[in-house]
Amino acid sequence: AGRLSAEQLRAAAEVRVGVPMVEVDLGAIDRRVTALPWVAEVGVEREWPGTIRVSVSQRVPVVNGVDPVGGLALLDRTGIVLEWTATADTGLATIRVDALGPPGSRIPGIEPLLRAAEAVTPDLGRWIVALAPTGDGVRAELVGGVDAELGFGEDYRDEMRSLATVLTRVVLACLVTIDVSIHESPVLLRDESRC
């Protein structure tokens, strides 16, 4: 089950009925179908005497991407914009990006955000509003206006475990920043004026 219908695939393939099988350009069909944003891989083959079979592997959305003006799109694990959307998928983490291109375009330089989003567990997902890039890596913007500095993690699993531990074991009043970039030694910054 995917986002593309058989009708969309047939329209993109543009295989005309009545054209001799030997004249059908399989490479052109492949290119047209591959151009669809939701398509990850395509296989095109002739099945004699009269069938062109197109098999497709679809991309899977892994994050919501949001730009500075509030544009929202679903992105796959490689940073491909799958489609613009009016509302975020609540089952996915949200990342902040400088700009969202048209569907099918790849957003460069967001690999750390994608790795951090992959490490967000369901329990942490309720705390995290968005993941944002910083000069020091990735920041998780938390509910209540608290920021969690994650730094440059290899896969961010250790940083997320450390953040989950802090959120469940520390008094959160007056908290401004949680720095788990050195996950073995989290640092908390409080602001008494926020109490």
N, C-alpha and C. Protein backbone atom coordinates (compact mmCIF):
# COMPACT_ATOMS: atom_id res chain seq x y z
N ALA A 1 0.85 -1.18 0.00
CA ALA A 1 0.00 0.00 0.00
C ALA A 1 0.89 1.24 0.00
N GLY A 2 0.69 2.09 -0.97
CA GLY A 2 1.50 3.29 -1.07
C GLY A 2 0.66 4.48 -1.47
N ARG A 3 1.33 5.56 -1.79
CA ARG A 3 0.66 6.80 -2.14
C ARG A 3 0.29 6.88 -3.62
N LEU A 4 0.91 6.06 -4.46
CA LEU A 4 0.67 6.12 -5.90
C LEU A 4 -0.38 5.10 -6.31
N SER A 5 -1.29 5.55 -7.16
CA SER A 5 -2.31 4.63 -7.68
C SER A 5 -1.81 4.02 -8.99
N ALA A 6 -2.44 2.94 -9.38
CA ALA A 6 -2.11 2.31 -10.66
C ALA A 6 -2.36 3.29 -11.81
N GLU A 7 -3.40 4.11 -11.68
CA GLU A 7 -3.72 5.09 -12.73
C GLU A 7 -2.60 6.12 -12.87
N GLN A 8 -2.05 6.60 -11.74
CA GLN A 8 -0.94 7.56 -11.79
C GLN A 8 0.28 6.94 -12.47
N LEU A 9 0.56 5.69 -12.15
CA LEU A 9 1.70 5.01 -12.76
C LEU A 9 1.49 4.80 -14.26
N ARG A 10 0.28 4.39 -14.66
CA ARG A 10 -0.01 4.21 -16.09
C ARG A 10 0.13 5.53 -16.84
N ALA A 11 -0.37 6.61 -16.23
CA ALA A 11 -0.27 7.93 -16.87
C ALA A 11 1.19 8.36 -17.03
N ALA A 12 2.00 8.13 -16.00
CA ALA A 12 3.42 8.51 -16.07
C ALA A 12 4.17 7.64 -17.07
N ALA A 13 3.83 6.36 -17.15
CA ALA A 13 4.54 5.44 -18.05
C ALA A 13 4.28 5.79 -19.52
N GLU A 14 3.09 6.31 -19.83
CA GLU A 14 2.73 6.71 -21.19
C GLU A 14 2.93 5.60 -22.22
N VAL A 15 2.54 4.39 -21.88
CA VAL A 15 2.62 3.28 -22.83
C VAL A 15 1.36 3.33 -23.69
N ARG A 16 1.56 3.48 -24.99
CA ARG A 16 0.43 3.58 -25.92
C ARG A 16 0.01 2.19 -26.39
N VAL A 17 -1.27 1.95 -26.36
CA VAL A 17 -1.82 0.69 -26.84
C VAL A 17 -1.66 0.64 -28.36
N GLY A 18 -1.26 -0.51 -28.86
CA GLY A 18 -1.13 -0.69 -30.30
C GLY A 18 0.27 -0.49 -30.84
N VAL A 19 1.18 0.04 -30.04
CA VAL A 19 2.56 0.22 -30.48
C VAL A 19 3.25 -1.14 -30.43
N PRO A 20 3.96 -1.52 -31.50
CA PRO A 20 4.67 -2.80 -31.48
C PRO A 20 5.62 -2.89 -30.29
N MET A 21 5.68 -4.06 -29.67
CA MET A 21 6.50 -4.26 -28.46
C MET A 21 7.96 -3.86 -28.67
N VAL A 22 8.51 -4.14 -29.84
CA VAL A 22 9.92 -3.83 -30.08
C VAL A 22 10.18 -2.33 -30.16
N GLU A 23 9.14 -1.54 -30.39
CA GLU A 23 9.31 -0.08 -30.49
C GLU A 23 9.10 0.63 -29.15
N VAL A 24 8.67 -0.08 -28.14
CA VAL A 24 8.45 0.54 -26.83
C VAL A 24 9.81 0.82 -26.18
N ASP A 25 10.04 2.08 -25.82
CA ASP A 25 11.31 2.51 -25.21
C ASP A 25 11.23 2.30 -23.70
N LEU A 26 11.79 1.19 -23.23
CA LEU A 26 11.73 0.87 -21.80
C LEU A 26 12.48 1.90 -20.97
N GLY A 27 13.58 2.42 -21.47
CA GLY A 27 14.34 3.44 -20.74
C GLY A 27 13.54 4.72 -20.53
N ALA A 28 12.77 5.12 -21.54
CA ALA A 28 11.94 6.32 -21.42
C ALA A 28 10.84 6.12 -20.38
N ILE A 29 10.25 4.92 -20.38
CA ILE A 29 9.23 4.61 -19.37
C ILE A 29 9.86 4.70 -17.98
N ASP A 30 11.02 4.09 -17.82
CA ASP A 30 11.73 4.12 -16.54
C ASP A 30 11.96 5.56 -16.09
N ARG A 31 12.45 6.42 -16.99
CA ARG A 31 12.74 7.82 -16.63
C ARG A 31 11.47 8.57 -16.22
N ARG A 32 10.39 8.37 -16.96
CA ARG A 32 9.14 9.07 -16.64
C ARG A 32 8.58 8.64 -15.29
N VAL A 33 8.59 7.35 -15.03
CA VAL A 33 8.04 6.86 -13.75
C VAL A 33 8.97 7.25 -12.60
N THR A 34 10.28 7.16 -12.81
CA THR A 34 11.25 7.54 -11.77
C THR A 34 11.11 9.01 -11.39
N ALA A 35 10.62 9.84 -12.31
CA ALA A 35 10.47 11.28 -12.04
C ALA A 35 9.37 11.57 -11.01
N LEU A 36 8.50 10.60 -10.74
CA LEU A 36 7.46 10.80 -9.72
C LEU A 36 8.12 10.85 -8.34
N PRO A 37 7.82 11.86 -7.51
CA PRO A 37 8.49 12.00 -6.22
C PRO A 37 8.39 10.79 -5.31
N TRP A 38 7.29 10.06 -5.34
CA TRP A 38 7.09 8.94 -4.42
C TRP A 38 7.79 7.67 -4.88
N VAL A 39 8.39 7.69 -6.07
CA VAL A 39 9.01 6.48 -6.62
C VAL A 39 10.47 6.39 -6.21
N ALA A 40 10.84 5.28 -5.57
CA ALA A 40 12.23 5.04 -5.17
C ALA A 40 12.96 4.25 -6.25
N GLU A 41 12.35 3.18 -6.74
CA GLU A 41 12.97 2.33 -7.76
C GLU A 41 11.91 1.85 -8.73
N VAL A 42 12.35 1.64 -9.97
CA VAL A 42 11.45 1.19 -11.03
C VAL A 42 12.08 0.01 -11.76
N GLY A 43 11.26 -0.93 -12.13
CA GLY A 43 11.67 -2.01 -13.02
C GLY A 43 10.70 -2.05 -14.18
N VAL A 44 11.22 -2.07 -15.41
CA VAL A 44 10.37 -2.11 -16.60
C VAL A 44 10.81 -3.29 -17.45
N GLU A 45 9.86 -4.14 -17.84
CA GLU A 45 10.22 -5.29 -18.68
C GLU A 45 9.11 -5.61 -19.67
N ARG A 46 9.55 -6.21 -20.77
CA ARG A 46 8.61 -6.71 -21.77
C ARG A 46 8.21 -8.13 -21.38
N GLU A 47 6.92 -8.42 -21.47
CA GLU A 47 6.43 -9.79 -21.29
C GLU A 47 5.67 -10.14 -22.56
N TRP A 48 6.31 -10.95 -23.38
CA TRP A 48 5.74 -11.30 -24.67
C TRP A 48 4.49 -12.16 -24.49
N PRO A 49 3.48 -11.97 -25.27
CA PRO A 49 3.51 -11.28 -26.54
C PRO A 49 3.08 -9.82 -26.49
N GLY A 50 2.45 -9.35 -25.40
CA GLY A 50 1.92 -7.99 -25.50
C GLY A 50 1.78 -7.22 -24.20
N THR A 51 2.68 -7.45 -23.24
CA THR A 51 2.56 -6.76 -21.94
C THR A 51 3.86 -6.05 -21.60
N ILE A 52 3.71 -4.82 -21.13
CA ILE A 52 4.84 -4.09 -20.54
C ILE A 52 4.57 -4.06 -19.04
N ARG A 53 5.45 -4.65 -18.26
CA ARG A 53 5.27 -4.69 -16.81
C ARG A 53 6.16 -3.64 -16.16
N VAL A 54 5.53 -2.78 -15.34
CA VAL A 54 6.25 -1.74 -14.59
C VAL A 54 6.08 -2.05 -13.12
N SER A 55 7.19 -2.32 -12.43
CA SER A 55 7.12 -2.56 -10.98
C SER A 55 7.80 -1.39 -10.28
N VAL A 56 7.22 -0.99 -9.16
CA VAL A 56 7.66 0.22 -8.47
C VAL A 56 7.85 -0.05 -6.99
N SER A 57 8.90 0.52 -6.45
CA SER A 57 9.13 0.56 -5.00
C SER A 57 8.91 2.01 -4.58
N GLN A 58 8.02 2.23 -3.62
CA GLN A 58 7.68 3.60 -3.24
C GLN A 58 8.51 4.08 -2.05
N ARG A 59 8.75 5.38 -2.05
CA ARG A 59 9.44 6.02 -0.93
C ARG A 59 8.50 6.07 0.28
N VAL A 60 9.10 6.13 1.46
CA VAL A 60 8.33 6.17 2.71
C VAL A 60 8.64 7.49 3.42
N PRO A 61 7.61 8.24 3.83
CA PRO A 61 7.89 9.47 4.57
C PRO A 61 8.44 9.13 5.96
N VAL A 62 9.49 9.85 6.37
CA VAL A 62 10.07 9.61 7.70
C VAL A 62 10.04 10.85 8.58
N VAL A 63 9.90 12.04 7.98
CA VAL A 63 9.82 13.28 8.77
C VAL A 63 8.91 14.28 8.08
N ASN A 64 8.41 15.21 8.90
CA ASN A 64 7.78 16.42 8.39
C ASN A 64 8.89 17.45 8.28
N GLY A 65 8.97 18.14 7.16
CA GLY A 65 9.92 19.24 7.03
C GLY A 65 9.14 20.54 7.06
N VAL A 66 9.63 21.52 7.82
CA VAL A 66 8.96 22.81 7.88
C VAL A 66 9.99 23.90 7.59
N ASP A 67 9.61 24.86 6.75
CA ASP A 67 10.53 25.95 6.41
C ASP A 67 10.20 27.19 7.25
N PRO A 68 11.03 28.25 7.17
CA PRO A 68 10.83 29.43 8.03
C PRO A 68 9.49 30.15 7.85
N VAL A 69 8.84 29.99 6.70
CA VAL A 69 7.55 30.66 6.50
C VAL A 69 6.37 29.73 6.76
N GLY A 70 6.64 28.56 7.31
CA GLY A 70 5.58 27.64 7.69
C GLY A 70 5.19 26.63 6.63
N GLY A 71 5.90 26.61 5.50
CA GLY A 71 5.64 25.57 4.50
C GLY A 71 5.92 24.21 5.10
N LEU A 72 5.13 23.22 4.74
CA LEU A 72 5.22 21.90 5.36
C LEU A 72 5.22 20.84 4.27
N ALA A 73 6.13 19.87 4.40
CA ALA A 73 6.21 18.79 3.42
C ALA A 73 6.65 17.50 4.10
N LEU A 74 6.31 16.39 3.48
CA LEU A 74 6.79 15.07 3.92
C LEU A 74 8.10 14.78 3.20
N LEU A 75 9.09 14.28 3.95
CA LEU A 75 10.39 13.95 3.39
C LEU A 75 10.70 12.48 3.63
N ASP A 76 11.47 11.89 2.72
CA ASP A 76 11.91 10.51 2.93
C ASP A 76 13.25 10.50 3.65
N ARG A 77 13.83 9.30 3.84
CA ARG A 77 15.05 9.16 4.64
C ARG A 77 16.28 9.76 3.98
N THR A 78 16.18 10.11 2.70
CA THR A 78 17.31 10.72 2.01
C THR A 78 17.14 12.23 1.85
N GLY A 79 16.04 12.79 2.36
CA GLY A 79 15.80 14.22 2.24
C GLY A 79 15.05 14.63 0.98
N ILE A 80 14.43 13.66 0.31
CA ILE A 80 13.61 13.97 -0.88
C ILE A 80 12.26 14.50 -0.41
N VAL A 81 11.84 15.63 -1.00
CA VAL A 81 10.51 16.19 -0.74
C VAL A 81 9.51 15.31 -1.49
N LEU A 82 8.63 14.65 -0.74
CA LEU A 82 7.65 13.76 -1.35
C LEU A 82 6.40 14.52 -1.78
N GLU A 83 5.89 15.34 -0.88
CA GLU A 83 4.74 16.18 -1.22
C GLU A 83 4.58 17.26 -0.17
N TRP A 84 4.05 18.40 -0.64
CA TRP A 84 3.68 19.47 0.28
C TRP A 84 2.37 19.04 0.94
N THR A 85 2.18 19.48 2.18
CA THR A 85 0.98 19.08 2.92
C THR A 85 0.50 20.25 3.78
N ALA A 86 -0.77 20.26 4.10
CA ALA A 86 -1.34 21.34 4.92
C ALA A 86 -1.15 21.08 6.40
N THR A 87 -1.06 19.81 6.78
CA THR A 87 -0.90 19.47 8.20
C THR A 87 0.22 18.44 8.36
N ALA A 88 0.86 18.52 9.51
CA ALA A 88 1.96 17.59 9.81
C ALA A 88 1.40 16.19 10.09
N ASP A 89 2.18 15.19 9.74
CA ASP A 89 1.86 13.81 10.10
C ASP A 89 2.29 13.65 11.56
N THR A 90 1.33 13.49 12.46
CA THR A 90 1.63 13.45 13.89
C THR A 90 2.45 12.23 14.30
N GLY A 91 2.54 11.24 13.44
CA GLY A 91 3.34 10.07 13.74
C GLY A 91 4.81 10.23 13.38
N LEU A 92 5.17 11.37 12.81
CA LEU A 92 6.55 11.61 12.38
C LEU A 92 7.16 12.79 13.12
N ALA A 93 8.47 12.75 13.29
CA ALA A 93 9.19 13.89 13.86
C ALA A 93 9.16 15.03 12.84
N THR A 94 9.35 16.25 13.33
CA THR A 94 9.40 17.43 12.48
C THR A 94 10.80 18.01 12.51
N ILE A 95 11.33 18.37 11.33
CA ILE A 95 12.63 19.02 11.26
C ILE A 95 12.47 20.40 10.63
N ARG A 96 13.29 21.34 11.08
CA ARG A 96 13.29 22.69 10.50
C ARG A 96 14.36 22.75 9.42
N VAL A 97 13.98 23.26 8.25
CA VAL A 97 14.91 23.38 7.13
C VAL A 97 14.87 24.81 6.62
N ASP A 98 15.94 25.22 5.92
CA ASP A 98 16.00 26.58 5.38
C ASP A 98 14.98 26.78 4.26
N ALA A 99 14.78 25.77 3.45
CA ALA A 99 13.85 25.88 2.32
C ALA A 99 13.38 24.49 1.91
N LEU A 100 12.14 24.44 1.48
CA LEU A 100 11.58 23.20 0.93
C LEU A 100 11.46 23.39 -0.58
N GLY A 101 12.05 22.50 -1.33
CA GLY A 101 11.93 22.57 -2.78
C GLY A 101 10.65 21.92 -3.25
N PRO A 102 10.50 21.84 -4.55
CA PRO A 102 9.31 21.18 -5.10
C PRO A 102 9.37 19.67 -4.86
N PRO A 103 8.23 19.00 -4.91
CA PRO A 103 8.24 17.55 -4.76
C PRO A 103 9.22 16.91 -5.75
N GLY A 104 10.00 15.97 -5.23
CA GLY A 104 11.02 15.30 -6.03
C GLY A 104 12.41 15.85 -5.83
N SER A 105 12.51 17.06 -5.24
CA SER A 105 13.84 17.65 -5.01
C SER A 105 14.41 17.14 -3.70
N ARG A 106 15.75 17.16 -3.61
CA ARG A 106 16.43 16.71 -2.40
C ARG A 106 16.93 17.94 -1.65
N ILE A 107 16.72 17.97 -0.33
CA ILE A 107 17.22 19.06 0.49
C ILE A 107 18.62 18.69 0.95
N PRO A 108 19.62 19.47 0.56
CA PRO A 108 21.00 19.12 0.92
C PRO A 108 21.33 19.48 2.37
N GLY A 109 22.28 18.77 2.95
CA GLY A 109 22.83 19.13 4.25
C GLY A 109 21.97 18.83 5.46
N ILE A 110 20.95 18.00 5.32
CA ILE A 110 20.08 17.73 6.47
C ILE A 110 20.29 16.34 7.07
N GLU A 111 21.38 15.69 6.69
CA GLU A 111 21.63 14.33 7.18
C GLU A 111 21.64 14.24 8.70
N PRO A 112 22.29 15.19 9.43
CA PRO A 112 22.24 15.11 10.91
C PRO A 112 20.80 15.18 11.44
N LEU A 113 19.97 16.02 10.84
CA LEU A 113 18.57 16.12 11.28
C LEU A 113 17.83 14.81 11.02
N LEU A 114 18.08 14.20 9.88
CA LEU A 114 17.42 12.93 9.56
C LEU A 114 17.86 11.82 10.51
N ARG A 115 19.17 11.80 10.85
CA ARG A 115 19.65 10.79 11.81
C ARG A 115 19.04 11.01 13.18
N ALA A 116 18.95 12.28 13.60
CA ALA A 116 18.35 12.58 14.91
C ALA A 116 16.87 12.20 14.91
N ALA A 117 16.17 12.50 13.84
CA ALA A 117 14.74 12.16 13.75
C ALA A 117 14.53 10.65 13.82
N GLU A 118 15.43 9.91 13.20
CA GLU A 118 15.32 8.44 13.23
C GLU A 118 15.47 7.90 14.65
N ALA A 119 16.20 8.61 15.49
CA ALA A 119 16.46 8.16 16.86
C ALA A 119 15.36 8.57 17.85
N VAL A 120 14.40 9.38 17.41
CA VAL A 120 13.32 9.82 18.30
C VAL A 120 12.39 8.63 18.57
N THR A 121 12.25 8.30 19.84
CA THR A 121 11.36 7.22 20.25
C THR A 121 9.95 7.78 20.44
N PRO A 122 8.92 6.93 20.44
CA PRO A 122 7.56 7.43 20.63
C PRO A 122 7.38 8.24 21.92
N ASP A 123 8.02 7.81 23.02
CA ASP A 123 7.86 8.58 24.26
C ASP A 123 8.52 9.95 24.15
N LEU A 124 9.66 10.05 23.47
CA LEU A 124 10.30 11.35 23.27
C LEU A 124 9.55 12.19 22.24
N GLY A 125 8.91 11.54 21.29
CA GLY A 125 8.17 12.27 20.26
C GLY A 125 7.10 13.17 20.85
N ARG A 126 6.55 12.81 21.98
CA ARG A 126 5.55 13.65 22.64
C ARG A 126 6.17 14.91 23.23
N TRP A 127 7.47 14.88 23.51
CA TRP A 127 8.17 16.03 24.08
C TRP A 127 8.74 16.97 23.02
N ILE A 128 9.11 16.41 21.88
CA ILE A 128 9.86 17.17 20.87
C ILE A 128 8.91 17.84 19.88
N VAL A 129 9.00 19.17 19.83
CA VAL A 129 8.22 19.95 18.87
C VAL A 129 8.87 19.87 17.50
N ALA A 130 10.19 20.09 17.46
CA ALA A 130 10.93 20.05 16.19
C ALA A 130 12.41 19.86 16.46
N LEU A 131 13.10 19.37 15.45
CA LEU A 131 14.56 19.27 15.47
C LEU A 131 15.07 20.35 14.53
N ALA A 132 16.08 21.10 15.00
CA ALA A 132 16.59 22.22 14.21
C ALA A 132 18.10 22.15 14.10
N PRO A 133 18.65 22.61 12.96
CA PRO A 133 20.11 22.63 12.82
C PRO A 133 20.70 23.79 13.59
N THR A 134 21.89 23.59 14.12
CA THR A 134 22.64 24.67 14.77
C THR A 134 24.09 24.57 14.32
N GLY A 135 24.88 25.56 14.66
CA GLY A 135 26.31 25.50 14.36
C GLY A 135 27.00 24.39 15.11
N ASP A 136 26.37 23.94 16.20
CA ASP A 136 26.95 22.88 17.02
C ASP A 136 26.27 21.53 16.82
N GLY A 137 25.50 21.38 15.75
CA GLY A 137 24.85 20.10 15.49
C GLY A 137 23.35 20.22 15.37
N VAL A 138 22.63 19.55 16.27
CA VAL A 138 21.17 19.51 16.23
C VAL A 138 20.62 19.92 17.58
N ARG A 139 19.53 20.67 17.54
CA ARG A 139 18.81 21.08 18.75
C ARG A 139 17.40 20.51 18.67
N ALA A 140 16.94 19.95 19.78
CA ALA A 140 15.55 19.51 19.89
C ALA A 140 14.79 20.61 20.62
N GLU A 141 13.78 21.16 19.96
CA GLU A 141 12.92 22.16 20.60
C GLU A 141 11.81 21.40 21.31
N LEU A 142 11.75 21.56 22.63
CA LEU A 142 10.83 20.77 23.43
C LEU A 142 9.57 21.55 23.79
N VAL A 143 8.54 20.82 24.16
CA VAL A 143 7.31 21.41 24.67
C VAL A 143 7.67 22.30 25.85
N GLY A 144 7.06 23.47 25.94
CA GLY A 144 7.33 24.37 27.06
C GLY A 144 8.48 25.32 26.81
N GLY A 145 9.03 25.32 25.60
CA GLY A 145 10.08 26.27 25.26
C GLY A 145 11.47 25.90 25.71
N VAL A 146 11.68 24.68 26.13
CA VAL A 146 13.01 24.22 26.54
C VAL A 146 13.74 23.69 25.30
N ASP A 147 15.03 23.98 25.21
CA ASP A 147 15.85 23.46 24.12
C ASP A 147 16.76 22.36 24.64
N ALA A 148 16.93 21.33 23.84
CA ALA A 148 17.88 20.26 24.17
C ALA A 148 18.95 20.23 23.10
N GLU A 149 20.18 20.51 23.50
CA GLU A 149 21.30 20.51 22.57
C GLU A 149 21.80 19.07 22.42
N LEU A 150 21.72 18.55 21.19
CA LEU A 150 22.11 17.16 20.93
C LEU A 150 23.52 17.05 20.36
N GLY A 151 24.04 18.16 19.84
CA GLY A 151 25.39 18.14 19.27
C GLY A 151 25.43 17.40 17.95
N PHE A 152 26.62 16.88 17.61
CA PHE A 152 26.81 16.09 16.40
C PHE A 152 26.90 14.62 16.80
N GLY A 153 25.80 13.92 16.76
CA GLY A 153 25.80 12.51 17.12
C GLY A 153 26.03 11.65 15.90
N GLU A 154 26.56 10.47 16.14
CA GLU A 154 26.74 9.53 15.03
C GLU A 154 25.39 9.02 14.56
N ASP A 155 24.58 8.54 15.51
CA ASP A 155 23.22 8.13 15.16
C ASP A 155 22.20 8.71 16.14
N TYR A 156 22.63 9.46 17.12
CA TYR A 156 21.81 10.19 18.09
C TYR A 156 21.04 9.29 19.06
N ARG A 157 21.24 8.00 19.04
CA ARG A 157 20.53 7.13 19.98
C ARG A 157 20.97 7.39 21.42
N ASP A 158 22.27 7.54 21.63
CA ASP A 158 22.76 7.81 22.99
C ASP A 158 22.25 9.16 23.50
N GLU A 159 22.26 10.17 22.63
CA GLU A 159 21.77 11.49 23.03
C GLU A 159 20.29 11.43 23.38
N MET A 160 19.50 10.70 22.61
CA MET A 160 18.06 10.58 22.88
C MET A 160 17.81 9.81 24.18
N ARG A 161 18.59 8.76 24.43
CA ARG A 161 18.44 8.03 25.70
C ARG A 161 18.75 8.95 26.87
N SER A 162 19.82 9.73 26.74
CA SER A 162 20.20 10.66 27.80
C SER A 162 19.11 11.71 28.02
N LEU A 163 18.56 12.23 26.93
CA LEU A 163 17.48 13.22 27.03
C LEU A 163 16.26 12.60 27.71
N ALA A 164 15.89 11.40 27.33
CA ALA A 164 14.74 10.73 27.95
C ALA A 164 14.96 10.54 29.45
N THR A 165 16.17 10.20 29.83
CA THR A 165 16.49 10.03 31.25
C THR A 165 16.34 11.34 32.00
N VAL A 166 16.87 12.42 31.44
CA VAL A 166 16.76 13.74 32.08
C VAL A 166 15.30 14.13 32.22
N LEU A 167 14.51 13.95 31.18
CA LEU A 167 13.11 14.38 31.21
C LEU A 167 12.29 13.61 32.23
N THR A 168 12.68 12.38 32.55
CA THR A 168 11.90 11.59 33.50
C THR A 168 12.44 11.66 34.93
N ARG A 169 13.66 12.17 35.12
CA ARG A 169 14.26 12.12 36.45
C ARG A 169 14.62 13.47 37.05
N VAL A 170 14.38 14.55 36.33
CA VAL A 170 14.81 15.87 36.80
C VAL A 170 13.59 16.77 36.94
N VAL A 171 13.61 17.64 37.93
CA VAL A 171 12.56 18.65 38.07
C VAL A 171 12.71 19.62 36.91
N LEU A 172 11.65 19.78 36.14
CA LEU A 172 11.74 20.54 34.90
C LEU A 172 11.42 22.02 35.07
N ALA A 173 10.99 22.43 36.26
CA ALA A 173 10.66 23.84 36.50
C ALA A 173 11.88 24.71 36.25
N CYS A 174 11.66 25.84 35.61
CA CYS A 174 12.68 26.86 35.34
C CYS A 174 13.73 26.42 34.32
N LEU A 175 13.59 25.26 33.75
CA LEU A 175 14.59 24.74 32.83
C LEU A 175 14.55 25.50 31.51
N VAL A 176 15.73 25.86 31.00
CA VAL A 176 15.85 26.57 29.73
C VAL A 176 16.52 25.68 28.69
N THR A 177 17.62 25.05 29.09
CA THR A 177 18.40 24.23 28.16
C THR A 177 18.86 22.94 28.82
N ILE A 178 18.79 21.87 28.05
CA ILE A 178 19.36 20.58 28.44
C ILE A 178 20.42 20.27 27.39
N ASP A 179 21.65 20.13 27.81
CA ASP A 179 22.72 19.82 26.86
C ASP A 179 23.13 18.36 27.05
N VAL A 180 22.78 17.54 26.07
CA VAL A 180 23.14 16.11 26.11
C VAL A 180 24.14 15.78 25.00
N SER A 181 24.84 16.80 24.51
CA SER A 181 25.81 16.56 23.44
C SER A 181 26.93 15.65 23.91
N ILE A 182 27.25 15.71 25.21
CA ILE A 182 28.11 14.71 25.84
C ILE A 182 27.15 13.88 26.67
N HIS A 183 26.62 12.82 26.05
CA HIS A 183 25.47 12.12 26.63
C HIS A 183 25.74 11.49 27.98
N GLU A 184 27.01 11.22 28.31
CA GLU A 184 27.31 10.63 29.62
C GLU A 184 27.23 11.67 30.73
N SER A 185 27.23 12.95 30.34
CA SER A 185 27.28 14.02 31.34
C SER A 185 26.37 15.19 30.93
N PRO A 186 25.05 15.02 31.04
CA PRO A 186 24.14 16.10 30.66
C PRO A 186 24.32 17.33 31.53
N VAL A 187 24.09 18.49 30.92
CA VAL A 187 24.18 19.76 31.63
C VAL A 187 22.82 20.44 31.53
N LEU A 188 22.33 20.95 32.67
CA LEU A 188 21.05 21.64 32.70
C LEU A 188 21.27 23.11 33.00
N LEU A 189 20.56 23.97 32.28
CA LEU A 189 20.62 25.41 32.53
C LEU A 189 19.23 25.87 32.92
N ARG A 190 19.15 26.51 34.09
CA ARG A 190 17.87 27.01 34.58
C ARG A 190 17.87 28.53 34.59
N ASP A 191 16.69 29.10 34.48
CA ASP A 191 16.52 30.55 34.56
C ASP A 191 15.44 30.81 35.60
N GLU A 192 15.86 31.37 36.73
CA GLU A 192 14.93 31.59 37.85
C GLU A 192 13.78 32.53 37.47
N SER A 193 13.99 33.40 36.48
CA SER A 193 12.91 34.31 36.07
C SER A 193 11.78 33.57 35.35
N ARG A 194 12.02 32.34 34.93
CA ARG A 194 10.98 31.54 34.26
C ARG A 194 10.18 30.70 35.24
N CYS A 195 10.51 30.78 36.53
CA CYS A 195 9.82 29.96 37.53
C CYS A 195 8.48 30.55 37.90
